[in-house]
């Protein structure tokens, strides 16, 4: 699940020509205000950690879990498309809207 999402997010963000070595934020208050463009400029591992952190936060907030199947890949494609269309959008907003778009297909959380 997370691997497929990261594949989609990573495919978008790996195209950076001027990648900066940044670290992922340690809390949601910091992570929520990172734009797609800023995430795009991050090194791959911190970018993946950030995407997973934000995805898990969104899933918990909506009472669902992200399964490891084609549904997580679909979320990744939606995030990639959203960040392509709006690089100045906050990454969390794009991820959250992708989760909302797939909400009816996601299993309920514990």
N, C-alpha and C. Protein backbone atom coordinates (compact mmCIF):
# COMPACT_ATOMS: atom_id res chain seq x y z
N UNK A 1 0.82 -1.18 0.00
CA UNK A 1 0.00 0.00 0.00
C UNK A 1 0.86 1.24 0.00
N UNK A 2 1.63 1.37 1.02
CA UNK A 2 2.45 2.57 1.15
C UNK A 2 3.49 2.60 0.04
N UNK A 3 3.99 1.42 -0.33
CA UNK A 3 4.96 1.35 -1.42
C UNK A 3 4.37 1.85 -2.72
N UNK A 4 3.13 1.49 -2.99
CA UNK A 4 2.49 1.93 -4.23
C UNK A 4 2.23 3.43 -4.21
N UNK A 5 1.81 3.94 -3.05
CA UNK A 5 1.60 5.38 -2.93
C UNK A 5 2.92 6.10 -3.14
N UNK A 6 3.95 5.59 -2.51
CA UNK A 6 5.26 6.23 -2.63
C UNK A 6 5.76 6.18 -4.06
N UNK A 7 5.44 5.08 -4.75
CA UNK A 7 5.82 4.99 -6.14
C UNK A 7 5.18 6.12 -6.94
N UNK A 8 3.90 6.35 -6.71
CA UNK A 8 3.21 7.42 -7.42
C UNK A 8 3.73 8.79 -7.03
N UNK A 9 3.87 9.02 -5.73
CA UNK A 9 4.39 10.31 -5.26
C UNK A 9 5.84 10.46 -5.67
N UNK A 10 6.60 9.38 -5.54
CA UNK A 10 8.02 9.42 -5.89
C UNK A 10 8.24 9.68 -7.37
N UNK A 11 7.38 9.12 -8.21
CA UNK A 11 7.53 9.34 -9.65
C UNK A 11 7.39 10.82 -9.98
N UNK A 12 6.45 11.48 -9.33
CA UNK A 12 6.27 12.91 -9.55
C UNK A 12 7.45 13.69 -9.00
N UNK A 13 7.81 13.38 -7.79
CA UNK A 13 8.79 14.19 -7.10
C UNK A 13 10.23 13.89 -7.50
N UNK A 14 10.49 12.76 -8.11
CA UNK A 14 11.84 12.37 -8.47
C UNK A 14 12.37 13.13 -9.69
N UNK A 15 11.54 13.90 -10.33
CA UNK A 15 11.93 14.60 -11.54
C UNK A 15 12.71 15.88 -11.24
N UNK A 16 12.88 16.20 -10.00
CA UNK A 16 13.52 17.45 -9.59
C UNK A 16 14.91 17.60 -10.19
N UNK A 17 15.19 18.77 -10.71
CA UNK A 17 16.51 19.04 -11.25
C UNK A 17 17.41 19.72 -10.24
N UNK A 18 16.82 20.28 -9.21
CA UNK A 18 17.60 20.97 -8.19
C UNK A 18 17.21 20.45 -6.81
N UNK A 19 17.42 19.16 -6.59
CA UNK A 19 17.02 18.55 -5.32
C UNK A 19 17.88 19.07 -4.19
N UNK A 20 17.20 19.44 -3.12
CA UNK A 20 17.90 19.89 -1.93
C UNK A 20 17.80 18.80 -0.88
N UNK A 21 18.83 18.68 -0.06
CA UNK A 21 18.80 17.70 1.02
C UNK A 21 18.09 18.33 2.21
N UNK A 22 16.82 18.03 2.36
CA UNK A 22 16.03 18.53 3.48
C UNK A 22 15.58 17.34 4.30
N UNK A 23 15.28 17.58 5.53
CA UNK A 23 14.77 16.52 6.37
C UNK A 23 13.26 16.68 6.53
N UNK A 24 12.59 15.58 6.76
CA UNK A 24 11.14 15.61 6.96
C UNK A 24 10.83 16.24 8.31
N UNK A 25 9.74 17.00 8.39
CA UNK A 25 9.35 17.61 9.66
C UNK A 25 9.03 16.53 10.70
N UNK A 26 9.14 16.91 11.95
CA UNK A 26 8.93 15.96 13.03
C UNK A 26 7.50 15.93 13.55
N UNK A 27 6.70 16.93 13.21
CA UNK A 27 5.32 16.93 13.71
C UNK A 27 4.36 17.42 12.62
N UNK A 28 3.08 17.19 12.88
CA UNK A 28 2.08 17.52 11.88
C UNK A 28 2.02 19.02 11.59
N UNK A 29 2.17 19.84 12.62
CA UNK A 29 2.10 21.29 12.42
C UNK A 29 3.14 21.78 11.42
N UNK A 30 4.29 21.16 11.40
CA UNK A 30 5.31 21.52 10.43
C UNK A 30 5.03 20.87 9.08
N UNK A 31 4.65 19.60 9.10
CA UNK A 31 4.44 18.84 7.87
C UNK A 31 3.27 19.37 7.05
N UNK A 32 2.25 19.88 7.70
CA UNK A 32 1.03 20.30 7.01
C UNK A 32 1.27 21.47 6.06
N UNK A 33 2.32 22.23 6.27
CA UNK A 33 2.55 23.43 5.47
C UNK A 33 3.67 23.28 4.44
N UNK A 34 4.00 22.06 4.12
CA UNK A 34 4.99 21.81 3.06
C UNK A 34 4.24 21.70 1.74
N UNK A 35 4.67 22.46 0.77
CA UNK A 35 4.01 22.44 -0.54
C UNK A 35 4.53 21.26 -1.35
N UNK A 36 3.81 20.95 -2.41
CA UNK A 36 4.26 19.90 -3.32
C UNK A 36 5.65 20.23 -3.88
N UNK A 37 5.86 21.49 -4.20
CA UNK A 37 7.15 21.91 -4.75
C UNK A 37 8.27 21.72 -3.74
N UNK A 38 8.02 22.07 -2.48
CA UNK A 38 9.03 21.87 -1.45
C UNK A 38 9.31 20.39 -1.24
N UNK A 39 8.28 19.57 -1.26
CA UNK A 39 8.47 18.13 -1.14
C UNK A 39 9.25 17.60 -2.33
N UNK A 40 8.95 18.13 -3.49
CA UNK A 40 9.64 17.75 -4.72
C UNK A 40 11.14 17.98 -4.61
N UNK A 41 11.53 19.03 -3.89
CA UNK A 41 12.94 19.38 -3.74
C UNK A 41 13.65 18.59 -2.64
N UNK A 42 12.91 17.80 -1.89
CA UNK A 42 13.50 17.03 -0.80
C UNK A 42 14.23 15.80 -1.33
N UNK A 43 15.15 15.29 -0.52
CA UNK A 43 15.81 14.02 -0.83
C UNK A 43 14.76 12.91 -0.78
N UNK A 44 14.98 11.81 -1.50
CA UNK A 44 13.96 10.76 -1.61
C UNK A 44 13.47 10.18 -0.28
N UNK A 45 14.35 9.82 0.62
CA UNK A 45 13.92 9.18 1.86
C UNK A 45 13.09 10.10 2.76
N UNK A 46 13.52 11.33 3.00
CA UNK A 46 12.67 12.23 3.79
C UNK A 46 11.33 12.52 3.11
N UNK A 47 11.33 12.59 1.79
CA UNK A 47 10.09 12.83 1.04
C UNK A 47 9.13 11.66 1.22
N UNK A 48 9.64 10.44 1.16
CA UNK A 48 8.80 9.26 1.36
C UNK A 48 8.25 9.23 2.78
N UNK A 49 9.11 9.53 3.75
CA UNK A 49 8.67 9.53 5.14
C UNK A 49 7.57 10.57 5.35
N UNK A 50 7.73 11.72 4.74
CA UNK A 50 6.72 12.77 4.83
C UNK A 50 5.40 12.32 4.21
N UNK A 51 5.44 11.73 3.03
CA UNK A 51 4.22 11.28 2.36
C UNK A 51 3.50 10.22 3.19
N UNK A 52 4.22 9.28 3.75
CA UNK A 52 3.62 8.23 4.57
C UNK A 52 3.01 8.83 5.84
N UNK A 53 3.74 9.74 6.46
CA UNK A 53 3.24 10.40 7.67
C UNK A 53 1.93 11.13 7.38
N UNK A 54 1.89 11.89 6.31
CA UNK A 54 0.69 12.66 5.97
C UNK A 54 -0.46 11.73 5.55
N UNK A 55 -0.14 10.68 4.82
CA UNK A 55 -1.17 9.72 4.41
C UNK A 55 -1.79 9.05 5.63
N UNK A 56 -0.97 8.61 6.56
CA UNK A 56 -1.49 7.95 7.76
C UNK A 56 -2.32 8.92 8.60
N UNK A 57 -1.89 10.16 8.67
CA UNK A 57 -2.65 11.16 9.43
C UNK A 57 -4.03 11.37 8.80
N UNK A 58 -4.07 11.50 7.50
CA UNK A 58 -5.33 11.69 6.80
C UNK A 58 -6.24 10.48 6.97
N UNK A 59 -5.68 9.29 6.82
CA UNK A 59 -6.48 8.07 6.94
C UNK A 59 -7.09 7.96 8.35
N UNK A 60 -6.30 8.24 9.37
CA UNK A 60 -6.81 8.20 10.75
C UNK A 60 -7.92 9.23 10.95
N UNK A 61 -7.73 10.42 10.42
CA UNK A 61 -8.72 11.48 10.57
C UNK A 61 -10.06 11.11 9.93
N UNK A 62 -10.01 10.32 8.87
CA UNK A 62 -11.23 9.92 8.17
C UNK A 62 -11.73 8.54 8.60
N UNK A 63 -11.03 7.91 9.55
CA UNK A 63 -11.48 6.63 10.09
C UNK A 63 -11.32 5.47 9.14
N UNK A 64 -10.31 5.51 8.30
CA UNK A 64 -10.06 4.42 7.36
C UNK A 64 -8.61 3.96 7.49
N UNK A 65 -8.33 2.85 6.85
CA UNK A 65 -6.95 2.37 6.74
C UNK A 65 -6.62 2.28 5.26
N UNK A 66 -5.36 2.39 4.96
CA UNK A 66 -4.91 2.31 3.57
C UNK A 66 -4.39 0.90 3.31
N UNK A 67 -5.11 0.11 2.54
CA UNK A 67 -4.67 -1.27 2.28
C UNK A 67 -3.53 -1.32 1.27
N UNK A 68 -2.81 -2.42 1.29
CA UNK A 68 -1.70 -2.58 0.35
C UNK A 68 -2.21 -3.26 -0.92
N UNK A 69 -2.92 -2.52 -1.73
CA UNK A 69 -3.41 -3.03 -3.00
C UNK A 69 -3.59 -1.88 -3.99
N UNK A 70 -4.38 -2.09 -5.02
CA UNK A 70 -4.54 -1.08 -6.07
C UNK A 70 -5.18 0.21 -5.56
N UNK A 71 -5.87 0.17 -4.44
CA UNK A 71 -6.47 1.38 -3.89
C UNK A 71 -5.41 2.37 -3.43
N UNK A 72 -4.33 1.88 -2.86
CA UNK A 72 -3.25 2.78 -2.46
C UNK A 72 -2.53 3.33 -3.68
N UNK A 73 -2.42 2.52 -4.72
CA UNK A 73 -1.81 3.01 -5.96
C UNK A 73 -2.67 4.12 -6.56
N UNK A 74 -3.98 3.96 -6.48
CA UNK A 74 -4.88 5.00 -7.01
C UNK A 74 -4.70 6.30 -6.25
N UNK A 75 -4.54 6.22 -4.94
CA UNK A 75 -4.29 7.42 -4.14
C UNK A 75 -2.99 8.07 -4.60
N UNK A 76 -1.98 7.26 -4.83
CA UNK A 76 -0.69 7.78 -5.31
C UNK A 76 -0.83 8.50 -6.65
N UNK A 77 -1.61 7.94 -7.56
CA UNK A 77 -1.83 8.59 -8.85
C UNK A 77 -2.56 9.92 -8.69
N UNK A 78 -3.54 9.94 -7.78
CA UNK A 78 -4.27 11.19 -7.54
C UNK A 78 -3.35 12.25 -6.95
N UNK A 79 -2.47 11.85 -6.04
CA UNK A 79 -1.51 12.79 -5.45
C UNK A 79 -0.55 13.30 -6.51
N UNK A 80 -0.05 12.41 -7.33
CA UNK A 80 0.86 12.83 -8.40
C UNK A 80 0.19 13.82 -9.33
N UNK A 81 -1.04 13.54 -9.72
CA UNK A 81 -1.77 14.45 -10.60
C UNK A 81 -2.06 15.78 -9.93
N UNK A 82 -2.46 15.74 -8.67
CA UNK A 82 -2.75 16.97 -7.94
C UNK A 82 -1.53 17.85 -7.79
N UNK A 83 -0.39 17.24 -7.49
CA UNK A 83 0.84 18.02 -7.34
C UNK A 83 1.35 18.53 -8.69
N UNK A 84 1.08 17.79 -9.75
CA UNK A 84 1.48 18.26 -11.08
C UNK A 84 0.66 19.50 -11.46
N UNK A 85 -0.64 19.45 -11.17
CA UNK A 85 -1.52 20.57 -11.51
C UNK A 85 -1.33 21.78 -10.61
N UNK A 86 -0.98 21.54 -9.36
CA UNK A 86 -0.87 22.64 -8.40
C UNK A 86 0.38 22.45 -7.52
N UNK A 87 1.57 22.73 -8.06
CA UNK A 87 2.79 22.52 -7.28
C UNK A 87 2.88 23.40 -6.03
N UNK A 88 2.15 24.49 -5.98
CA UNK A 88 2.17 25.36 -4.80
C UNK A 88 1.14 24.94 -3.75
N UNK A 89 0.38 23.90 -4.02
CA UNK A 89 -0.59 23.40 -3.05
C UNK A 89 0.15 22.69 -1.91
N UNK A 90 -0.44 22.71 -0.74
CA UNK A 90 0.14 21.97 0.37
C UNK A 90 0.00 20.48 0.10
N UNK A 91 1.08 19.74 0.29
CA UNK A 91 1.08 18.30 0.03
C UNK A 91 0.01 17.60 0.85
N UNK A 92 -0.18 18.00 2.10
CA UNK A 92 -1.20 17.36 2.92
C UNK A 92 -2.59 17.55 2.32
N UNK A 93 -2.87 18.73 1.80
CA UNK A 93 -4.18 18.98 1.19
C UNK A 93 -4.39 18.06 0.00
N UNK A 94 -3.37 17.89 -0.81
CA UNK A 94 -3.48 17.00 -1.98
C UNK A 94 -3.69 15.56 -1.53
N UNK A 95 -2.92 15.11 -0.54
CA UNK A 95 -3.07 13.74 -0.04
C UNK A 95 -4.45 13.55 0.59
N UNK A 96 -4.88 14.51 1.39
CA UNK A 96 -6.17 14.40 2.06
C UNK A 96 -7.31 14.34 1.05
N UNK A 97 -7.24 15.13 0.02
CA UNK A 97 -8.30 15.11 -1.01
C UNK A 97 -8.27 13.81 -1.79
N UNK A 98 -7.09 13.24 -1.99
CA UNK A 98 -7.00 11.94 -2.66
C UNK A 98 -7.64 10.86 -1.79
N UNK A 99 -7.40 10.91 -0.49
CA UNK A 99 -8.02 9.96 0.43
C UNK A 99 -9.54 10.15 0.41
N UNK A 100 -9.99 11.39 0.42
CA UNK A 100 -11.44 11.66 0.35
C UNK A 100 -12.06 11.12 -0.94
N UNK A 101 -11.34 11.25 -2.04
CA UNK A 101 -11.85 10.77 -3.32
C UNK A 101 -12.01 9.25 -3.32
N UNK A 102 -11.17 8.56 -2.57
CA UNK A 102 -11.21 7.10 -2.51
C UNK A 102 -11.91 6.58 -1.25
N UNK A 103 -12.45 7.46 -0.45
CA UNK A 103 -12.99 7.10 0.87
C UNK A 103 -13.99 5.96 0.82
N UNK A 104 -14.88 5.96 -0.14
CA UNK A 104 -15.92 4.92 -0.19
C UNK A 104 -15.33 3.55 -0.51
N UNK A 105 -14.13 3.50 -1.04
CA UNK A 105 -13.48 2.22 -1.40
C UNK A 105 -12.52 1.73 -0.34
N UNK A 106 -12.27 2.53 0.70
CA UNK A 106 -11.29 2.17 1.72
C UNK A 106 -11.96 1.50 2.91
N UNK A 107 -11.28 0.50 3.49
CA UNK A 107 -11.85 -0.17 4.65
C UNK A 107 -11.84 0.72 5.88
N UNK A 108 -12.84 0.57 6.72
CA UNK A 108 -12.94 1.34 7.96
C UNK A 108 -11.82 0.95 8.90
N UNK A 109 -11.34 1.94 9.66
CA UNK A 109 -10.27 1.70 10.64
C UNK A 109 -10.80 1.02 11.89
N UNK A 110 -9.90 0.80 12.81
CA UNK A 110 -10.24 0.10 14.06
C UNK A 110 -11.07 0.98 14.97
